[in-house]
Amino acid sequence: MPEVSLVLPLPPSVNHRYVRRRDGGLALTPEARDYDAFVLEALGRDRPRIPAHAGVEVHVFLTVDTPRRRDLDNVLKQLLDSLGRCLGFDDAQVVAIKAFKRVGAGADPNVKVIVAWKEIA
């Protein structure tokens, strides 16, 4: 099963993902677009493209310095959306998510993510 492993900074809060456009629609905030660009750079020039018919498994390890620093579920949406845009998969392809939050005084806040996929017959 192919996989990608990354250590990334914390994504912007889900509360800061969209802004209302003048026409009433929604657009990604500059913060969200910048995070996509960071993920794309972290993946590198030879990043894989996940096939449209593959099942995707995601393992997330969130590290924060204080318990109230970030909600785990708040991190998942922006992280999964950025990974999906950069690796070419849709949310509907995600078949499993395992997520863990570790709190450590003085820890460097970050998120380690492993994305694996398997062709679905």
C-alpha atoms as a PDB file:
ATOM      1  CA  MET A   1       0.000   0.000   0.000  1.00  0.00           C
ATOM      2  CA  PRO A   2       1.694   3.266  -1.069  1.00  0.00           C
ATOM      3  CA  GLU A   3       1.840   6.043   1.504  1.00  0.00           C
ATOM      4  CA  VAL A   4       3.005   9.584   2.133  1.00  0.00           C
ATOM      5  CA  SER A   5       4.276  10.776   5.513  1.00  0.00           C
ATOM      6  CA  LEU A   6       4.626  14.469   6.408  1.00  0.00           C
ATOM      7  CA  VAL A   7       5.247  16.638   9.451  1.00  0.00           C
ATOM      8  CA  LEU A   8       3.422  19.939   9.010  1.00  0.00           C
ATOM      9  CA  PRO A   9       2.673  23.043  11.031  1.00  0.00           C
ATOM     10  CA  LEU A  10      -0.795  23.284  12.525  1.00  0.00           C
ATOM     11  CA  PRO A  11      -3.373  24.184   9.887  1.00  0.00           C
ATOM     12  CA  PRO A  12      -5.471  27.323  10.241  1.00  0.00           C
ATOM     13  CA  SER A  13      -8.545  26.923  12.388  1.00  0.00           C
ATOM     14  CA  VAL A  14     -11.646  25.635  10.644  1.00  0.00           C
ATOM     15  CA  ASN A  15     -13.203  28.941  11.724  1.00  0.00           C
ATOM     16  CA  HIS A  16     -10.748  30.764   9.430  1.00  0.00           C
ATOM     17  CA  ARG A  17     -11.122  28.694   6.249  1.00  0.00           C
ATOM     18  CA  TYR A  18     -13.603  30.719   4.222  1.00  0.00           C
ATOM     19  CA  VAL A  19     -14.555  34.313   3.552  1.00  0.00           C
ATOM     20  CA  ARG A  20     -17.750  35.512   1.941  1.00  0.00           C
ATOM     21  CA  ARG A  21     -17.282  36.870  -1.597  1.00  0.00           C
ATOM     22  CA  ARG A  22     -19.138  39.930  -2.878  1.00  0.00           C
ATOM     23  CA  ASP A  23     -21.373  37.696  -4.972  1.00  0.00           C
ATOM     24  CA  GLY A  24     -22.417  35.785  -1.841  1.00  0.00           C
ATOM     25  CA  GLY A  25     -20.273  32.731  -2.511  1.00  0.00           C
ATOM     26  CA  LEU A  26     -17.413  31.457  -0.399  1.00  0.00           C
ATOM     27  CA  ALA A  27     -13.679  31.594  -1.078  1.00  0.00           C
ATOM     28  CA  LEU A  28     -10.717  30.149   0.777  1.00  0.00           C
ATOM     29  CA  THR A  29      -8.985  32.628   3.067  1.00  0.00           C
ATOM     30  CA  PRO A  30      -5.385  33.604   2.368  1.00  0.00           C
ATOM     31  CA  GLU A  31      -4.445  31.484   5.436  1.00  0.00           C
ATOM     32  CA  ALA A  32      -6.082  28.390   3.938  1.00  0.00           C
ATOM     33  CA  ARG A  33      -4.474  28.983   0.529  1.00  0.00           C
ATOM     34  CA  ASP A  34      -1.074  29.484   2.171  1.00  0.00           C
ATOM     35  CA  TYR A  35      -1.485  26.196   4.031  1.00  0.00           C
ATOM     36  CA  ASP A  36      -2.288  24.406   0.754  1.00  0.00           C
ATOM     37  CA  ALA A  37       0.896  25.895  -0.726  1.00  0.00           C
ATOM     38  CA  PHE A  38       2.924  24.706   2.280  1.00  0.00           C
ATOM     39  CA  VAL A  39       1.512  21.155   1.977  1.00  0.00           C
ATOM     40  CA  LEU A  40       2.230  21.160  -1.756  1.00  0.00           C
ATOM     41  CA  GLU A  41       5.829  22.237  -1.125  1.00  0.00           C
ATOM     42  CA  ALA A  42       6.254  19.610   1.616  1.00  0.00           C
ATOM     43  CA  LEU A  43       5.060  16.908  -0.774  1.00  0.00           C
ATOM     44  CA  GLY A  44       7.703  17.941  -3.296  1.00  0.00           C
ATOM     45  CA  ARG A  45       7.860  17.979  -7.041  1.00  0.00           C
ATOM     46  CA  ASP A  46       7.321  14.222  -7.385  1.00  0.00           C
ATOM     47  CA  ARG A  47       4.201  14.066  -5.234  1.00  0.00           C
ATOM     48  CA  PRO A  48       1.920  11.146  -5.992  1.00  0.00           C
ATOM     49  CA  ARG A  49      -1.603  11.511  -7.328  1.00  0.00           C
ATOM     50  CA  ILE A  50      -4.090   9.240  -5.603  1.00  0.00           C
ATOM     51  CA  PRO A  51      -6.351   7.449  -8.127  1.00  0.00           C
ATOM     52  CA  ALA A  52     -10.040   8.374  -8.081  1.00  0.00           C
ATOM     53  CA  HIS A  53     -11.064   4.798  -7.276  1.00  0.00           C
ATOM     54  CA  ALA A  54      -8.646   4.262  -4.372  1.00  0.00           C
ATOM     55  CA  GLY A  55      -9.633   4.002  -0.724  1.00  0.00           C
ATOM     56  CA  VAL A  56      -7.679   6.439   1.443  1.00  0.00           C
ATOM     57  CA  GLU A  57      -6.588   5.896   5.058  1.00  0.00           C
ATOM     58  CA  VAL A  58      -5.307   8.822   7.115  1.00  0.00           C
ATOM     59  CA  HIS A  59      -3.382   8.718  10.404  1.00  0.00           C
ATOM     60  CA  VAL A  60      -3.010  12.040  12.210  1.00  0.00           C
ATOM     61  CA  PHE A  61      -0.756  12.743  15.203  1.00  0.00           C
ATOM     62  CA  LEU A  62      -1.391  16.220  16.582  1.00  0.00           C
ATOM     63  CA  THR A  63       1.168  17.638  19.019  1.00  0.00           C
ATOM     64  CA  VAL A  64       0.311  20.753  21.033  1.00  0.00           C
ATOM     65  CA  ASP A  65       1.913  22.504  23.978  1.00  0.00           C
ATOM     66  CA  THR A  66      -1.261  22.999  26.049  1.00  0.00           C
ATOM     67  CA  PRO A  67      -4.507  20.969  26.223  1.00  0.00           C
ATOM     68  CA  ARG A  68      -6.656  23.856  24.998  1.00  0.00           C
ATOM     69  CA  ARG A  69      -4.330  24.843  22.153  1.00  0.00           C
ATOM     70  CA  ARG A  70      -6.319  23.130  19.417  1.00  0.00           C
ATOM     71  CA  ASP A  71      -9.306  20.800  19.050  1.00  0.00           C
ATOM     72  CA  LEU A  72      -8.433  17.612  17.194  1.00  0.00           C
ATOM     73  CA  ASP A  73     -11.605  17.675  15.099  1.00  0.00           C
ATOM     74  CA  ASN A  74     -10.951  21.316  14.172  1.00  0.00           C
ATOM     75  CA  VAL A  75      -7.558  20.350  12.727  1.00  0.00           C
ATOM     76  CA  LEU A  76      -8.871  17.436  10.655  1.00  0.00           C
ATOM     77  CA  LYS A  77     -11.092  19.319   8.189  1.00  0.00           C
ATOM     78  CA  GLN A  78      -8.496  21.816   6.949  1.00  0.00           C
ATOM     79  CA  LEU A  79      -5.767  19.164   6.945  1.00  0.00           C
ATOM     80  CA  LEU A  80      -7.833  16.654   4.941  1.00  0.00           C
ATOM     81  CA  ASP A  81      -9.028  19.322   2.504  1.00  0.00           C
ATOM     82  CA  SER A  82      -5.469  20.537   1.861  1.00  0.00           C
ATOM     83  CA  LEU A  83      -4.170  16.991   1.418  1.00  0.00           C
ATOM     84  CA  GLY A  84      -7.056  16.177  -0.909  1.00  0.00           C
ATOM     85  CA  ARG A  85      -6.391  19.221  -3.089  1.00  0.00           C
ATOM     86  CA  CYS A  86      -2.640  18.494  -3.200  1.00  0.00           C
ATOM     87  CA  LEU A  87      -2.828  14.702  -3.687  1.00  0.00           C
ATOM     88  CA  GLY A  88      -5.924  14.686  -5.905  1.00  0.00           C
ATOM     89  CA  PHE A  89      -8.377  12.715  -3.777  1.00  0.00           C
ATOM     90  CA  ASP A  90     -11.928  13.507  -2.719  1.00  0.00           C
ATOM     91  CA  ASP A  91     -13.202  13.386   0.869  1.00  0.00           C
ATOM     92  CA  ALA A  92     -15.558  10.577  -0.167  1.00  0.00           C
ATOM     93  CA  GLN A  93     -12.542   8.333  -0.819  1.00  0.00           C
ATOM     94  CA  VAL A  94     -11.493   8.404   2.851  1.00  0.00           C
ATOM     95  CA  VAL A  95     -12.380   5.025   4.355  1.00  0.00           C
ATOM     96  CA  ALA A  96     -10.528   5.332   7.690  1.00  0.00           C
ATOM     97  CA  ILE A  97      -9.191   8.082   9.933  1.00  0.00           C
ATOM     98  CA  LYS A  98      -7.134   7.480  13.053  1.00  0.00           C
ATOM     99  CA  ALA A  99      -6.370  10.658  14.966  1.00  0.00           C
ATOM    100  CA  PHE A 100      -4.394  11.231  18.160  1.00  0.00           C
ATOM    101  CA  LYS A 101      -3.640  14.355  20.203  1.00  0.00           C
ATOM    102  CA  ARG A 102      -0.531  14.573  22.351  1.00  0.00           C
ATOM    103  CA  VAL A 103       0.001  17.419  24.826  1.00  0.00           C
ATOM    104  CA  GLY A 104       3.517  18.238  25.946  1.00  0.00           C
ATOM    105  CA  ALA A 105       4.627  21.347  27.814  1.00  0.00           C
ATOM    106  CA  GLY A 106       7.144  23.127  25.629  1.00  0.00           C
ATOM    107  CA  ALA A 107       6.386  20.843  22.682  1.00  0.00           C
ATOM    108  CA  ASP A 108       6.679  22.182  19.154  1.00  0.00           C
ATOM    109  CA  PRO A 109       3.058  22.301  17.903  1.00  0.00           C
ATOM    110  CA  ASN A 110       2.765  20.313  14.683  1.00  0.00           C
ATOM    111  CA  VAL A 111       0.808  17.618  12.947  1.00  0.00           C
ATOM    112  CA  LYS A 112       2.289  14.427  11.568  1.00  0.00           C
ATOM    113  CA  VAL A 113       0.141  12.806   8.927  1.00  0.00           C
ATOM    114  CA  ILE A 114       0.390   9.524   7.072  1.00  0.00           C
ATOM    115  CA  VAL A 115      -1.812   9.072   4.006  1.00  0.00           C
ATOM    116  CA  ALA A 116      -2.048   5.581   2.526  1.00  0.00           C
ATOM    117  CA  TRP A 117      -4.225   4.321  -0.306  1.00  0.00           C
ATOM    118  CA  LYS A 118      -5.267   1.081  -1.893  1.00  0.00           C
ATOM    119  CA  GLU A 119      -7.018   0.359  -5.140  1.00  0.00           C
ATOM    120  CA  ILE A 120     -10.625  -0.670  -4.564  1.00  0.00           C
ATOM    121  CA  ALA A 121     -11.665  -3.505  -6.852  1.00  0.00           C
END
